[in-house]
C-alpha atoms as a PDB file:
ATOM      1  CA  MET A   1    -171.472-122.025 -90.122  1.00  0.00           C
ATOM      2  CA  ALA A   2    -167.837-122.729 -90.981  1.00  0.00           C
ATOM      3  CA  PRO A   3    -166.993-123.334 -94.642  1.00  0.00           C
ATOM      4  CA  GLU A   4    -166.444-126.938 -95.686  1.00  0.00           C
ATOM      5  CA  LYS A   5    -162.801-127.771 -96.171  1.00  0.00           C
ATOM      6  CA  THR A   6    -160.635-130.796 -96.846  1.00  0.00           C
ATOM      7  CA  GLU A   7    -156.937-131.514 -96.612  1.00  0.00           C
ATOM      8  CA  GLN A   8    -155.461-132.601 -99.950  1.00  0.00           C
ATOM      9  CA  PRO A   9    -152.251-134.599 -99.465  1.00  0.00           C
ATOM     10  CA  VAL A  10    -149.518-133.236-101.761  1.00  0.00           C
ATOM     11  CA  ILE A  11    -145.867-133.405-102.663  1.00  0.00           C
ATOM     12  CA  VAL A  12    -144.423-129.992-103.545  1.00  0.00           C
ATOM     13  CA  TYR A  13    -141.087-129.726-105.338  1.00  0.00           C
ATOM     14  CA  THR A  14    -138.830-126.697-105.303  1.00  0.00           C
ATOM     15  CA  ARG A  15    -135.348-126.402-106.785  1.00  0.00           C
ATOM     16  CA  LEU A  16    -133.787-127.693-103.550  1.00  0.00           C
ATOM     17  CA  HIS A  17    -136.514-129.506-101.607  1.00  0.00           C
ATOM     18  CA  ARG A  18    -139.380-131.973-101.692  1.00  0.00           C
ATOM     19  CA  ILE A  19    -142.154-131.045 -99.269  1.00  0.00           C
ATOM     20  CA  GLU A  20    -144.703-133.647 -98.253  1.00  0.00           C
ATOM     21  CA  GLY A  21    -147.835-132.536 -96.459  1.00  0.00           C
ATOM     22  CA  ALA A  22    -151.356-131.306 -97.114  1.00  0.00           C
ATOM     23  CA  VAL A  23    -152.999-128.219 -98.577  1.00  0.00           C
ATOM     24  CA  VAL A  24    -156.345-127.053 -97.203  1.00  0.00           C
ATOM     25  CA  LEU A  25    -158.967-126.748 -99.932  1.00  0.00           C
ATOM     26  CA  PHE A  26    -162.335-125.124 -99.373  1.00  0.00           C
ATOM     27  CA  LYS A  27    -165.476-126.473-101.005  1.00  0.00           C
ATOM     28  CA  GLY A  28    -165.270-126.036-104.780  1.00  0.00           C
ATOM     29  CA  GLU A  29    -161.576-125.058-104.745  1.00  0.00           C
ATOM     30  CA  ARG A  30    -159.099-126.999-106.881  1.00  0.00           C
ATOM     31  CA  LEU A  31    -155.436-127.628-106.131  1.00  0.00           C
ATOM     32  CA  GLY A  32    -154.309-125.910-109.335  1.00  0.00           C
ATOM     33  CA  ASP A  33    -156.407-122.851-108.519  1.00  0.00           C
ATOM     34  CA  LYS A  34    -154.766-122.615-105.106  1.00  0.00           C
ATOM     35  CA  PHE A  35    -151.255-122.436-106.558  1.00  0.00           C
ATOM     36  CA  ASN A  36    -152.229-120.148-109.445  1.00  0.00           C
ATOM     37  CA  GLN A  37    -153.809-117.424-107.290  1.00  0.00           C
ATOM     38  CA  THR A  38    -151.756-114.280-107.763  1.00  0.00           C
ATOM     39  CA  GLU A  39    -153.160-112.417-104.749  1.00  0.00           C
ATOM     40  CA  ARG A  40    -151.172-114.597-102.361  1.00  0.00           C
ATOM     41  CA  GLN A  41    -147.426-115.118-102.674  1.00  0.00           C
ATOM     42  CA  PHE A  42    -147.210-117.900-100.074  1.00  0.00           C
ATOM     43  CA  GLU A  43    -149.118-121.136 -99.669  1.00  0.00           C
ATOM     44  CA  SER A  44    -149.395-123.042 -96.403  1.00  0.00           C
ATOM     45  CA  ILE A  45    -148.460-126.725 -96.332  1.00  0.00           C
ATOM     46  CA  GLU A  46    -149.826-128.505 -93.269  1.00  0.00           C
ATOM     47  CA  HIS A  47    -148.168-131.513 -91.555  1.00  0.00           C
ATOM     48  CA  ALA A  48    -145.006-130.644 -93.472  1.00  0.00           C
ATOM     49  CA  ARG A  49    -141.941-132.807 -93.917  1.00  0.00           C
ATOM     50  CA  VAL A  50    -139.154-131.135 -95.915  1.00  0.00           C
ATOM     51  CA  TYR A  51    -136.532-133.300 -97.622  1.00  0.00           C
ATOM     52  CA  ALA A  52    -133.333-132.283 -99.404  1.00  0.00           C
ATOM     53  CA  LEU A  53    -133.450-133.315-103.062  1.00  0.00           C
ATOM     54  CA  THR A  54    -129.724-134.063-103.126  1.00  0.00           C
ATOM     55  CA  ASP A  55    -129.748-136.913-100.598  1.00  0.00           C
ATOM     56  CA  ASP A  56    -133.422-137.398 -99.579  1.00  0.00           C
ATOM     57  CA  ARG A  57    -132.524-136.352 -96.011  1.00  0.00           C
ATOM     58  CA  LEU A  58    -135.304-134.994 -93.762  1.00  0.00           C
ATOM     59  CA  VAL A  59    -134.218-131.422 -93.018  1.00  0.00           C
ATOM     60  CA  HIS A  60    -137.316-130.019 -91.329  1.00  0.00           C
ATOM     61  CA  GLU A  61    -140.638-131.146 -89.917  1.00  0.00           C
ATOM     62  CA  ALA A  62    -143.370-128.775 -88.735  1.00  0.00           C
ATOM     63  CA  PRO A  63    -147.130-128.553 -88.246  1.00  0.00           C
ATOM     64  CA  SER A  64    -147.168-125.948 -91.032  1.00  0.00           C
ATOM     65  CA  VAL A  65    -144.747-124.248 -93.414  1.00  0.00           C
ATOM     66  CA  ALA A  66    -145.306-121.332 -95.773  1.00  0.00           C
ATOM     67  CA  VAL A  67    -143.936-121.899 -99.266  1.00  0.00           C
ATOM     68  CA  ASN A  68    -143.204-119.033-101.637  1.00  0.00           C
ATOM     69  CA  LYS A  69    -145.166-119.987-104.755  1.00  0.00           C
ATOM     70  CA  ASN A  70    -142.493-118.392-106.972  1.00  0.00           C
ATOM     71  CA  HIS A  71    -140.163-121.224-105.904  1.00  0.00           C
ATOM     72  CA  VAL A  72    -142.604-124.063-106.603  1.00  0.00           C
ATOM     73  CA  ALA A  73    -141.641-126.160-109.623  1.00  0.00           C
ATOM     74  CA  LEU A  74    -144.228-128.946-109.310  1.00  0.00           C
ATOM     75  CA  VAL A  75    -147.226-129.860-107.144  1.00  0.00           C
ATOM     76  CA  VAL A  76    -148.357-133.479-107.132  1.00  0.00           C
ATOM     77  CA  PRO A  77    -151.537-134.648-105.398  1.00  0.00           C
ATOM     78  CA  ARG A  78    -151.000-137.935-103.600  1.00  0.00           C
ATOM     79  CA  GLU A  79    -153.038-140.619-101.954  1.00  0.00           C
ATOM     80  CA  GLU A  80    -153.034-140.807 -98.185  1.00  0.00           C
ATOM     81  CA  THR A  81    -150.823-143.525 -96.759  1.00  0.00           C
END
């Protein structure tokens, strides 16, 4: 049986970009736990749209991007639209 999982919509901010997408959470896992895990340096953002912070321009769109957690300044859960 496959583990239960959900997609948590998020906005992730780095020094240069705003990334909108979703993080996969397994049953019992919290968003903060996901980004505080030290065993993994990168976190996958699904359905990703990457915007430049300087002018809000869409610079990249992909089914998934890997974000280096050392570059993450802020993670905000969001409601689905």
